[in-house]
Every structure is written in C-alpha cells, then in structure tokens.
Amino acid sequence: MKLVTWNIQCGRGCDGVTDLPRIVAVARQTLDADVFCFQEVSANFSRLGDGADQSAQLAALLPGYSAIFRPAIETLDRDGSLHRFGNMTLSRLPVLQIANHLLPWPGAAGVRSMRRHALEVTVQASFGAIRIVNTHLEFHSAAQREAQIVRLLDLQQDASESPRQAGSRHDGPYESQIVAASSLMCGDFNFDVTDPQHALIDHSDRPGLNYRDAWTADRPGRPRVPTCGIYDRAQWADGPDCRDFIFVTEDLISHVRSIDVNEATDASDHQPVAIELAE
C-alpha cells in the first residue's frame, strides 16, 4: 500500500496561486499512491482557494479513485448555499467503510480556533483491512489539540479492543459494519517532534494496538526532515519545522518499507509525506 498525506492549503502555493492540477501532479510525482490524504480542502469559501468546490475538482482530477470528502466545518448562509472545509481521502484500494469523527473543541478564551475532525476510511490492503485516519489538529490552542489527541487514542483503543469483521450482506446496518484494529493515522498535527504531544501518541501504552511514528520505525536515528516552512517564510517566520506525521499501529511496523518527504515542491506551505507498506 502506497500513501501520500499532504496539507494542500486549499491548493494555494507559495507563489500565491491556487492550482489544484498542480497539487495532484506533484502528489502523483511524489508517489504513485494507492491512497491520497489531503488536509485543508475547501468547498465554496470565497476567501479560500478560488471559492469553488475543491472536493469535486480533486475527485475529477483523480479518476479511478474513490473520493471521500468530509467536513469539519459545514455551514449554510442566508441564501441556503453550503460552505464546507475539511479533509479528503482518495483511494484506489477497495473502500470498506467510512466514518467522520468530530474532535473535541473545548472552550479556549481569547484563542482563535476552529472545529477539527478525523476522516476514517477503512481500505482493503493486500495484508488486511486498515483504518486510514486522516486528520488536522488545532493550530492555536495546545489544550484543544491535546483533547483531540486523547480522542484519537480513544478511537484506536476502542477499535483495537472490539474489532469487527465485515459481513457479506449490506441489506442492513448491523450486518455491514467493520472495525479494523490495524490503523495508519496521518495528517497535519500542528506539533513538532520534540513536543510532549508527539510523545502522547508515539509512546502511548494503552490496551491493544498503539500508534508509533512510522519515520522512527522505518529508520531509527534518521534525521527528521521538515514538512512545512521551507519556502513560505511569511507564514512560518521561525523557519522550517516538522508538523506532518504518519503513525502506524504496532502490528504494521514490520510492513513499513519506506517513508520520505518531498522537500522540492513549493505548491503548498507544507510538504507531501509518502509511505509504502508491503507484506
């Protein structure tokens, strides 16, 4: 299974140009992936990207992929027009189940914040069913971000302790459910590798299968590569940083064959991160 995760900043590059075809071209050049996980996809917000339905545009640009977009934010204006913002997962592997988890959003007085979510898409890989969790955590509030991390770990513990195999029937909701214990969680976590919040995930020790940083699992001691701020110094005044990660459950560590960052592109303020898993 080959996967690319990327915060695409609604398609806006460091040159200020919104260009979704460029995003898709760079993503595919990074890795001919079976699964693309994009964060910051906008639909009908005029200040983001070009104001269009980017989920529809991305689906059209990647024919042959099942396109799944779910919003963290979904609002209607006075004219009844729908405005959405969230994450999108596109898969050419068989999709078994989809779930959208709204993450905690506790009050944070005086801190700008927005609703966050995790898009969970269960796919059938050659070595079994995997829940791919595509997420984007809070930027401004560390307290909100920590609550969101705890919720993500709760979801993994629930799945790990009570896995369910999908039935062959889809004539009713009870028969068609699947919960895979194995999981890959990726996205823009808005903490760096030295932050204690990274350790909350990477050193978690809950019942069942825990997440581990795939970068460390693949090559222990390998220098970390920045995933944002390489080219956009206006938004990242402190310079390059690493905020985008891929975590895999412990049973998948032996399946990791490679993980890399495309440092060459400035098509977004973040860099694509690519991973390959095999039997």
C-alpha atoms as a PDB file:
ATOM      1  CA  MET A   1       0.000   0.000   0.000  1.00  0.00           C
ATOM      2  CA  LYS A   2       1.384   3.373  -1.050  1.00  0.00           C
ATOM      3  CA  LEU A   3       0.047   6.538   0.594  1.00  0.00           C
ATOM      4  CA  VAL A   4       0.703  10.276   0.404  1.00  0.00           C
ATOM      5  CA  THR A   5      -0.504  12.727   3.042  1.00  0.00           C
ATOM      6  CA  TRP A   6      -0.387  16.472   2.391  1.00  0.00           C
ATOM      7  CA  ASN A   7      -1.814  19.678   3.784  1.00  0.00           C
ATOM      8  CA  ILE A   8      -2.549  21.322   0.449  1.00  0.00           C
ATOM      9  CA  GLN A   9      -3.577  24.758   1.839  1.00  0.00           C
ATOM     10  CA  CYS A  10      -6.656  24.765  -0.400  1.00  0.00           C
ATOM     11  CA  GLY A  11      -4.377  24.407  -3.408  1.00  0.00           C
ATOM     12  CA  ARG A  12      -2.509  27.673  -2.810  1.00  0.00           C
ATOM     13  CA  GLY A  13       1.208  27.539  -3.480  1.00  0.00           C
ATOM     14  CA  CYS A  14       3.957  29.688  -2.048  1.00  0.00           C
ATOM     15  CA  ASP A  15       3.626  31.790  -5.212  1.00  0.00           C
ATOM     16  CA  GLY A  16       0.108  32.757  -4.112  1.00  0.00           C
ATOM     17  CA  VAL A  17      -1.514  30.862  -6.991  1.00  0.00           C
ATOM     18  CA  THR A  18      -4.320  28.375  -6.352  1.00  0.00           C
ATOM     19  CA  ASP A  19      -3.713  25.426  -8.656  1.00  0.00           C
ATOM     20  CA  LEU A  20      -5.303  22.061  -7.865  1.00  0.00           C
ATOM     21  CA  PRO A  21      -3.994  20.378 -11.052  1.00  0.00           C
ATOM     22  CA  ARG A  22      -0.504  21.296  -9.825  1.00  0.00           C
ATOM     23  CA  ILE A  23      -1.297  19.781  -6.422  1.00  0.00           C
ATOM     24  CA  VAL A  24      -2.384  16.492  -7.979  1.00  0.00           C
ATOM     25  CA  ALA A  25       0.589  16.415 -10.358  1.00  0.00           C
ATOM     26  CA  VAL A  26       3.057  16.936  -7.503  1.00  0.00           C
ATOM     27  CA  ALA A  27       1.277  14.396  -5.303  1.00  0.00           C
ATOM     28  CA  ARG A  28       1.491  11.768  -8.036  1.00  0.00           C
ATOM     29  CA  GLN A  29       5.128  12.630  -8.769  1.00  0.00           C
ATOM     30  CA  THR A  30       5.885  12.187  -5.077  1.00  0.00           C
ATOM     31  CA  LEU A  31       4.492   8.648  -5.177  1.00  0.00           C
ATOM     32  CA  ASP A  32       2.108   6.736  -7.413  1.00  0.00           C
ATOM     33  CA  ALA A  33      -0.054   6.269  -4.357  1.00  0.00           C
ATOM     34  CA  ASP A  34      -2.977   3.965  -3.754  1.00  0.00           C
ATOM     35  CA  VAL A  35      -4.294   6.461  -1.209  1.00  0.00           C
ATOM     36  CA  PHE A  36      -4.043  10.251  -1.079  1.00  0.00           C
ATOM     37  CA  CYS A  37      -4.916  12.026   2.171  1.00  0.00           C
ATOM     38  CA  PHE A  38      -5.362  15.771   1.760  1.00  0.00           C
ATOM     39  CA  GLN A  39      -5.977  18.325   4.502  1.00  0.00           C
ATOM     40  CA  GLU A  40      -7.423  21.834   4.041  1.00  0.00           C
ATOM     41  CA  VAL A  41      -9.903  21.175   1.262  1.00  0.00           C
ATOM     42  CA  SER A  42     -12.463  23.956   0.811  1.00  0.00           C
ATOM     43  CA  ALA A  43     -15.882  23.989  -0.778  1.00  0.00           C
ATOM     44  CA  ASN A  44     -17.452  27.371  -1.529  1.00  0.00           C
ATOM     45  CA  PHE A  45     -15.493  29.545   0.902  1.00  0.00           C
ATOM     46  CA  SER A  46     -14.635  32.589  -1.210  1.00  0.00           C
ATOM     47  CA  ARG A  47     -11.535  33.515   0.822  1.00  0.00           C
ATOM     48  CA  LEU A  48     -10.030  30.044   0.488  1.00  0.00           C
ATOM     49  CA  GLY A  49      -8.558  28.893  -2.790  1.00  0.00           C
ATOM     50  CA  ASP A  50     -10.751  30.011  -5.654  1.00  0.00           C
ATOM     51  CA  GLY A  51     -14.052  29.656  -3.800  1.00  0.00           C
ATOM     52  CA  ALA A  52     -15.047  26.570  -5.790  1.00  0.00           C
ATOM     53  CA  ASP A  53     -15.959  23.091  -4.581  1.00  0.00           C
ATOM     54  CA  GLN A  54     -12.446  21.731  -4.369  1.00  0.00           C
ATOM     55  CA  SER A  55     -13.639  18.278  -3.331  1.00  0.00           C
ATOM     56  CA  ALA A  56     -15.385  17.895  -6.692  1.00  0.00           C
ATOM     57  CA  GLN A  57     -12.351  19.232  -8.533  1.00  0.00           C
ATOM     58  CA  LEU A  58      -9.964  16.827  -6.800  1.00  0.00           C
ATOM     59  CA  ALA A  59     -12.280  13.902  -7.490  1.00  0.00           C
ATOM     60  CA  ALA A  60     -12.298  14.810 -11.191  1.00  0.00           C
ATOM     61  CA  LEU A  61      -8.511  15.130 -11.255  1.00  0.00           C
ATOM     62  CA  LEU A  62      -8.053  11.636  -9.826  1.00  0.00           C
ATOM     63  CA  PRO A  63     -10.328   9.340 -11.847  1.00  0.00           C
ATOM     64  CA  GLY A  64     -10.217   5.735 -10.749  1.00  0.00           C
ATOM     65  CA  TYR A  65     -10.061   6.709  -7.083  1.00  0.00           C
ATOM     66  CA  SER A  66     -12.953   6.565  -4.629  1.00  0.00           C
ATOM     67  CA  ALA A  67     -13.198  10.179  -3.482  1.00  0.00           C
ATOM     68  CA  ILE A  68     -14.307  10.753   0.109  1.00  0.00           C
ATOM     69  CA  PHE A  69     -14.622  14.286   1.460  1.00  0.00           C
ATOM     70  CA  ARG A  70     -15.978  15.041   4.906  1.00  0.00           C
ATOM     71  CA  PRO A  71     -16.061  18.450   6.567  1.00  0.00           C
ATOM     72  CA  ALA A  72     -15.003  19.623   9.970  1.00  0.00           C
ATOM     73  CA  ILE A  73     -16.995  22.775   9.264  1.00  0.00           C
ATOM     74  CA  GLU A  74     -20.278  22.787   7.365  1.00  0.00           C
ATOM     75  CA  THR A  75     -22.407  25.915   7.328  1.00  0.00           C
ATOM     76  CA  LEU A  76     -25.318  27.363   5.383  1.00  0.00           C
ATOM     77  CA  ASP A  77     -25.528  31.038   4.530  1.00  0.00           C
ATOM     78  CA  ARG A  78     -28.733  33.085   4.280  1.00  0.00           C
ATOM     79  CA  ASP A  79     -29.148  32.080   0.657  1.00  0.00           C
ATOM     80  CA  GLY A  80     -29.003  28.401   1.551  1.00  0.00           C
ATOM     81  CA  SER A  81     -25.582  27.860  -0.014  1.00  0.00           C
ATOM     82  CA  LEU A  82     -23.445  25.212   1.664  1.00  0.00           C
ATOM     83  CA  HIS A  83     -19.878  26.023   2.735  1.00  0.00           C
ATOM     84  CA  ARG A  84     -17.549  23.221   3.851  1.00  0.00           C
ATOM     85  CA  PHE A  85     -13.955  22.793   4.963  1.00  0.00           C
ATOM     86  CA  GLY A  86     -12.166  19.593   5.915  1.00  0.00           C
ATOM     87  CA  ASN A  87     -10.133  16.598   4.859  1.00  0.00           C
ATOM     88  CA  MET A  88     -10.327  14.387   1.789  1.00  0.00           C
ATOM     89  CA  THR A  89      -9.172  10.820   1.205  1.00  0.00           C
ATOM     90  CA  LEU A  90      -8.977   9.297  -2.262  1.00  0.00           C
ATOM     91  CA  SER A  91      -8.365   5.563  -2.613  1.00  0.00           C
ATOM     92  CA  ARG A  92      -7.946   3.145  -5.491  1.00  0.00           C
ATOM     93  CA  LEU A  93      -7.940   0.300  -2.974  1.00  0.00           C
ATOM     94  CA  PRO A  94     -11.363  -1.146  -2.113  1.00  0.00           C
ATOM     95  CA  VAL A  95     -13.111   1.050   0.454  1.00  0.00           C
ATOM     96  CA  LEU A  96     -14.930  -0.962   3.112  1.00  0.00           C
ATOM     97  CA  GLN A  97     -16.270   1.710   5.456  1.00  0.00           C
ATOM     98  CA  ILE A  98     -16.224   5.453   6.124  1.00  0.00           C
ATOM     99  CA  ALA A  99     -16.578   7.343   9.407  1.00  0.00           C
ATOM    100  CA  ASN A 100     -16.222  11.027  10.213  1.00  0.00           C
ATOM    101  CA  HIS A 101     -15.181  11.860  13.776  1.00  0.00           C
ATOM    102  CA  LEU A 102     -15.664  15.410  15.020  1.00  0.00           C
ATOM    103  CA  LEU A 103     -12.900  16.020  17.544  1.00  0.00           C
ATOM    104  CA  PRO A 104     -13.224  17.845  20.877  1.00  0.00           C
ATOM    105  CA  TRP A 105     -13.428  21.613  20.715  1.00  0.00           C
ATOM    106  CA  PRO A 106     -13.351  22.794  24.339  1.00  0.00           C
ATOM    107  CA  GLY A 107     -13.536  26.471  25.105  1.00  0.00           C
ATOM    108  CA  ALA A 108     -10.285  28.417  24.870  1.00  0.00           C
ATOM    109  CA  ALA A 109     -10.927  32.001  25.906  1.00  0.00           C
ATOM    110  CA  GLY A 110      -9.282  34.559  23.682  1.00  0.00           C
ATOM    111  CA  VAL A 111      -7.757  31.945  21.375  1.00  0.00           C
ATOM    112  CA  ARG A 112      -8.782  31.737  17.744  1.00  0.00           C
ATOM    113  CA  SER A 113      -9.746  28.193  16.813  1.00  0.00           C
ATOM    114  CA  MET A 114     -12.000  26.098  14.619  1.00  0.00           C
ATOM    115  CA  ARG A 115     -13.679  22.708  14.701  1.00  0.00           C
ATOM    116  CA  ARG A 116     -11.368  19.823  13.758  1.00  0.00           C
ATOM    117  CA  HIS A 117     -12.093  16.277  12.655  1.00  0.00           C
ATOM    118  CA  ALA A 118     -10.651  12.925  11.664  1.00  0.00           C
ATOM    119  CA  LEU A 119     -11.802  11.239   8.468  1.00  0.00           C
ATOM    120  CA  GLU A 120     -11.569   7.470   8.886  1.00  0.00           C
ATOM    121  CA  VAL A 121     -11.616   5.336   5.738  1.00  0.00           C
ATOM    122  CA  THR A 122     -11.164   1.576   6.046  1.00  0.00           C
ATOM    123  CA  VAL A 123      -9.499   0.069   2.978  1.00  0.00           C
ATOM    124  CA  GLN A 124      -8.606  -3.459   1.973  1.00  0.00           C
ATOM    125  CA  ALA A 125      -4.835  -3.754   1.573  1.00  0.00           C
ATOM    126  CA  SER A 126      -3.087  -6.921   0.438  1.00  0.00           C
ATOM    127  CA  PHE A 127      -2.217  -7.705   4.062  1.00  0.00           C
ATOM    128  CA  GLY A 128      -5.616  -6.933   5.584  1.00  0.00           C
ATOM    129  CA  ALA A 129      -8.139  -4.230   6.371  1.00  0.00           C
ATOM    130  CA  ILE A 130      -6.634  -0.938   7.574  1.00  0.00           C
ATOM    131  CA  ARG A 131      -8.357   2.100   9.059  1.00  0.00           C
ATOM    132  CA  ILE A 132      -6.747   5.154   7.494  1.00  0.00           C
ATOM    133  CA  VAL A 133      -7.291   8.156   9.764  1.00  0.00           C
ATOM    134  CA  ASN A 134      -6.765  11.489   8.001  1.00  0.00           C
ATOM    135  CA  THR A 135      -6.666  14.368  10.472  1.00  0.00           C
ATOM    136  CA  HIS A 136      -5.688  18.005  11.018  1.00  0.00           C
ATOM    137  CA  LEU A 137      -5.383  19.165  14.619  1.00  0.00           C
ATOM    138  CA  GLU A 138      -5.832  22.594  16.184  1.00  0.00           C
ATOM    139  CA  PHE A 139      -3.107  25.147  15.460  1.00  0.00           C
ATOM    140  CA  HIS A 140      -3.561  27.906  18.049  1.00  0.00           C
ATOM    141  CA  SER A 141      -4.704  26.109  21.215  1.00  0.00           C
ATOM    142  CA  ALA A 142      -2.449  23.452  22.748  1.00  0.00           C
ATOM    143  CA  ALA A 143      -5.218  22.500  25.202  1.00  0.00           C
ATOM    144  CA  GLN A 144      -7.677  21.844  22.386  1.00  0.00           C
ATOM    145  CA  ARG A 145      -5.032  19.928  20.452  1.00  0.00           C
ATOM    146  CA  GLU A 146      -4.313  17.701  23.446  1.00  0.00           C
ATOM    147  CA  ALA A 147      -8.013  16.937  23.886  1.00  0.00           C
ATOM    148  CA  GLN A 148      -8.129  15.979  20.218  1.00  0.00           C
ATOM    149  CA  ILE A 149      -5.129  13.659  20.615  1.00  0.00           C
ATOM    150  CA  VAL A 150      -6.784  11.919  23.549  1.00  0.00           C
ATOM    151  CA  ARG A 151      -9.901  11.382  21.454  1.00  0.00           C
ATOM    152  CA  LEU A 152      -7.869   9.883  18.597  1.00  0.00           C
ATOM    153  CA  LEU A 153      -6.213   7.493  21.041  1.00  0.00           C
ATOM    154  CA  ASP A 154      -9.628   6.604  22.463  1.00  0.00           C
ATOM    155  CA  LEU A 155     -10.851   5.730  18.974  1.00  0.00           C
ATOM    156  CA  GLN A 156      -7.839   3.491  18.384  1.00  0.00           C
ATOM    157  CA  GLN A 157      -8.284   1.752  21.725  1.00  0.00           C
ATOM    158  CA  ASP A 158     -11.974   1.147  21.032  1.00  0.00           C
ATOM    159  CA  ALA A 159     -11.195  -0.326  17.613  1.00  0.00           C
ATOM    160  CA  SER A 160      -8.341  -2.421  18.945  1.00  0.00           C
ATOM    161  CA  GLU A 161     -10.334  -3.869  21.826  1.00  0.00           C
ATOM    162  CA  SER A 162     -13.505  -4.559  19.829  1.00  0.00           C
ATOM    163  CA  PRO A 163     -12.612  -5.311  16.192  1.00  0.00           C
ATOM    164  CA  ARG A 164     -15.413  -6.409  13.882  1.00  0.00           C
ATOM    165  CA  GLN A 165     -15.219  -8.251  10.593  1.00  0.00           C
ATOM    166  CA  ALA A 166     -17.476  -7.043   7.797  1.00  0.00           C
ATOM    167  CA  GLY A 167     -20.211  -9.364   6.685  1.00  0.00           C
ATOM    168  CA  SER A 168     -21.006 -10.075   3.065  1.00  0.00           C
ATOM    169  CA  ARG A 169     -24.505  -8.597   3.377  1.00  0.00           C
ATOM    170  CA  HIS A 170     -25.318  -4.924   3.020  1.00  0.00           C
ATOM    171  CA  ASP A 171     -29.087  -5.058   3.385  1.00  0.00           C
ATOM    172  CA  GLY A 172     -28.964  -3.620   6.903  1.00  0.00           C
ATOM    173  CA  PRO A 173     -26.606  -1.552   9.064  1.00  0.00           C
ATOM    174  CA  TYR A 174     -25.811  -4.264  11.609  1.00  0.00           C
ATOM    175  CA  GLU A 175     -24.535  -6.736   9.033  1.00  0.00           C
ATOM    176  CA  SER A 176     -22.263  -4.368   7.118  1.00  0.00           C
ATOM    177  CA  GLN A 177     -20.134  -2.873   9.898  1.00  0.00           C
ATOM    178  CA  ILE A 178     -16.378  -3.370  10.092  1.00  0.00           C
ATOM    179  CA  VAL A 179     -13.898  -2.128  12.682  1.00  0.00           C
ATOM    180  CA  ALA A 180     -10.252  -2.865  11.862  1.00  0.00           C
ATOM    181  CA  ALA A 181      -7.746  -2.847  14.710  1.00  0.00           C
ATOM    182  CA  SER A 182      -4.859  -2.079  12.338  1.00  0.00           C
ATOM    183  CA  SER A 183      -4.580   1.617  11.552  1.00  0.00           C
ATOM    184  CA  LEU A 184      -2.500   4.276   9.837  1.00  0.00           C
ATOM    185  CA  MET A 185      -3.047   7.815  11.118  1.00  0.00           C
ATOM    186  CA  CYS A 186      -1.662  10.743   9.142  1.00  0.00           C
ATOM    187  CA  GLY A 187      -2.009  14.452   8.613  1.00  0.00           C
ATOM    188  CA  ASP A 188      -1.049  17.851   9.967  1.00  0.00           C
ATOM    189  CA  PHE A 189      -0.785  17.506  13.745  1.00  0.00           C
ATOM    190  CA  ASN A 190       0.438  21.041  14.471  1.00  0.00           C
ATOM    191  CA  PHE A 191       3.062  19.899  16.954  1.00  0.00           C
ATOM    192  CA  ASP A 192       6.721  19.210  16.260  1.00  0.00           C
ATOM    193  CA  VAL A 193       8.648  16.057  17.038  1.00  0.00           C
ATOM    194  CA  THR A 194      10.079  17.493  20.287  1.00  0.00           C
ATOM    195  CA  ASP A 195       6.655  18.455  21.644  1.00  0.00           C
ATOM    196  CA  PRO A 196       5.321  16.288  24.505  1.00  0.00           C
ATOM    197  CA  GLN A 197       2.140  15.937  22.450  1.00  0.00           C
ATOM    198  CA  HIS A 198       4.080  13.901  19.880  1.00  0.00           C
ATOM    199  CA  ALA A 199       5.086  11.536  22.681  1.00  0.00           C
ATOM    200  CA  LEU A 200       1.446  11.233  23.773  1.00  0.00           C
ATOM    201  CA  ILE A 201       0.880   9.326  20.542  1.00  0.00           C
ATOM    202  CA  ASP A 202       4.279   7.777  19.873  1.00  0.00           C
ATOM    203  CA  HIS A 203       4.724   6.497  23.454  1.00  0.00           C
ATOM    204  CA  SER A 204       1.099   5.605  24.137  1.00  0.00           C
ATOM    205  CA  ASP A 205       0.712   2.408  26.137  1.00  0.00           C
ATOM    206  CA  ARG A 206      -2.962   1.590  26.099  1.00  0.00           C
ATOM    207  CA  PRO A 207      -4.621  -1.816  25.881  1.00  0.00           C
ATOM    208  CA  GLY A 208      -4.489  -3.218  22.353  1.00  0.00           C
ATOM    209  CA  LEU A 209      -2.514  -1.820  19.427  1.00  0.00           C
ATOM    210  CA  ASN A 210      -0.839   1.562  19.899  1.00  0.00           C
ATOM    211  CA  TYR A 211       0.370   4.063  17.307  1.00  0.00           C
ATOM    212  CA  ARG A 212       4.068   4.524  16.590  1.00  0.00           C
ATOM    213  CA  ASP A 213       5.789   7.159  14.433  1.00  0.00           C
ATOM    214  CA  ALA A 214       6.476   5.448  11.100  1.00  0.00           C
ATOM    215  CA  TRP A 215       9.552   7.599  10.476  1.00  0.00           C
ATOM    216  CA  THR A 216      11.275   6.261  13.590  1.00  0.00           C
ATOM    217  CA  ALA A 217      10.042   2.746  12.919  1.00  0.00           C
ATOM    218  CA  ASP A 218      11.467   2.780   9.398  1.00  0.00           C
ATOM    219  CA  ARG A 219      14.912   4.194  10.165  1.00  0.00           C
ATOM    220  CA  PRO A 220      15.715   4.735  13.842  1.00  0.00           C
ATOM    221  CA  GLY A 221      18.086   7.663  14.276  1.00  0.00           C
ATOM    222  CA  ARG A 222      17.467   9.038  10.805  1.00  0.00           C
ATOM    223  CA  PRO A 223      17.458  12.873  10.843  1.00  0.00           C
ATOM    224  CA  ARG A 224      13.964  14.317  10.671  1.00  0.00           C
ATOM    225  CA  VAL A 225      13.064  16.254   7.519  1.00  0.00           C
ATOM    226  CA  PRO A 226      10.978  19.457   7.772  1.00  0.00           C
ATOM    227  CA  THR A 227       7.436  19.286   6.414  1.00  0.00           C
ATOM    228  CA  CYS A 228       6.499  22.975   6.461  1.00  0.00           C
ATOM    229  CA  GLY A 229       8.083  26.407   6.389  1.00  0.00           C
ATOM    230  CA  ILE A 230      10.768  25.506   3.860  1.00  0.00           C
ATOM    231  CA  TYR A 231       9.614  28.034   1.266  1.00  0.00           C
ATOM    232  CA  ASP A 232       6.879  30.092   2.962  1.00  0.00           C
ATOM    233  CA  ARG A 233       8.644  32.297   5.486  1.00  0.00           C
ATOM    234  CA  ALA A 234       5.695  34.700   5.694  1.00  0.00           C
ATOM    235  CA  GLN A 235       3.523  32.143   7.498  1.00  0.00           C
ATOM    236  CA  TRP A 236       6.461  30.295   9.074  1.00  0.00           C
ATOM    237  CA  ALA A 237       8.679  33.102  10.327  1.00  0.00           C
ATOM    238  CA  ASP A 238      10.643  30.715  12.563  1.00  0.00           C
ATOM    239  CA  GLY A 239      11.714  28.689   9.546  1.00  0.00           C
ATOM    240  CA  PRO A 240      11.307  25.033   8.604  1.00  0.00           C
ATOM    241  CA  ASP A 241       9.502  22.731  11.013  1.00  0.00           C
ATOM    242  CA  CYS A 242       8.143  19.188  11.115  1.00  0.00           C
ATOM    243  CA  ARG A 243       4.419  19.056  11.856  1.00  0.00           C
ATOM    244  CA  ASP A 244       3.129  16.410   9.448  1.00  0.00           C
ATOM    245  CA  PHE A 245       3.398  12.791  10.546  1.00  0.00           C
ATOM    246  CA  ILE A 246       2.390   9.249   9.717  1.00  0.00           C
ATOM    247  CA  PHE A 247       1.713   6.918  12.632  1.00  0.00           C
ATOM    248  CA  VAL A 248       1.084   3.188  12.235  1.00  0.00           C
ATOM    249  CA  THR A 249      -0.146   0.654  14.751  1.00  0.00           C
ATOM    250  CA  GLU A 250       2.446  -1.696  16.193  1.00  0.00           C
ATOM    251  CA  ASP A 251       1.367  -4.626  14.026  1.00  0.00           C
ATOM    252  CA  LEU A 252       2.132  -2.602  10.876  1.00  0.00           C
ATOM    253  CA  ILE A 253       5.685  -1.560  11.779  1.00  0.00           C
ATOM    254  CA  SER A 254       7.178  -4.614  10.086  1.00  0.00           C
ATOM    255  CA  HIS A 255       5.255  -3.729   6.906  1.00  0.00           C
ATOM    256  CA  VAL A 256       6.840  -0.256   6.526  1.00  0.00           C
ATOM    257  CA  ARG A 257       9.229  -0.276   3.568  1.00  0.00           C
ATOM    258  CA  SER A 258       9.929   3.436   3.148  1.00  0.00           C
ATOM    259  CA  ILE A 259       8.843   6.882   4.292  1.00  0.00           C
ATOM    260  CA  ASP A 260      10.001  10.126   2.701  1.00  0.00           C
ATOM    261  CA  VAL A 261       9.219  13.827   2.409  1.00  0.00           C
ATOM    262  CA  ASN A 262       9.118  15.697  -0.900  1.00  0.00           C
ATOM    263  CA  GLU A 263      11.249  18.705   0.026  1.00  0.00           C
ATOM    264  CA  ALA A 264      11.428  20.096  -3.515  1.00  0.00           C
ATOM    265  CA  THR A 265       7.905  21.397  -4.042  1.00  0.00           C
ATOM    266  CA  ASP A 266       6.520  24.804  -3.071  1.00  0.00           C
ATOM    267  CA  ALA A 267       2.989  24.007  -4.278  1.00  0.00           C
ATOM    268  CA  SER A 268       1.784  24.428  -0.662  1.00  0.00           C
ATOM    269  CA  ASP A 269       3.256  25.747   2.565  1.00  0.00           C
ATOM    270  CA  HIS A 270       3.525  22.092   3.650  1.00  0.00           C
ATOM    271  CA  GLN A 271       5.392  19.208   2.019  1.00  0.00           C
ATOM    272  CA  PRO A 272       3.910  15.874   0.894  1.00  0.00           C
ATOM    273  CA  VAL A 273       4.858  12.883   3.054  1.00  0.00           C
ATOM    274  CA  ALA A 274       4.893   9.461   1.368  1.00  0.00           C
ATOM    275  CA  ILE A 275       4.930   5.959   2.835  1.00  0.00           C
ATOM    276  CA  GLU A 276       4.987   2.481   1.361  1.00  0.00           C
ATOM    277  CA  LEU A 277       3.901  -0.650   3.214  1.00  0.00           C
ATOM    278  CA  ALA A 278       4.203  -4.191   1.912  1.00  0.00           C
ATOM    279  CA  GLU A 279       3.557  -7.754   3.022  1.00  0.00           C
END
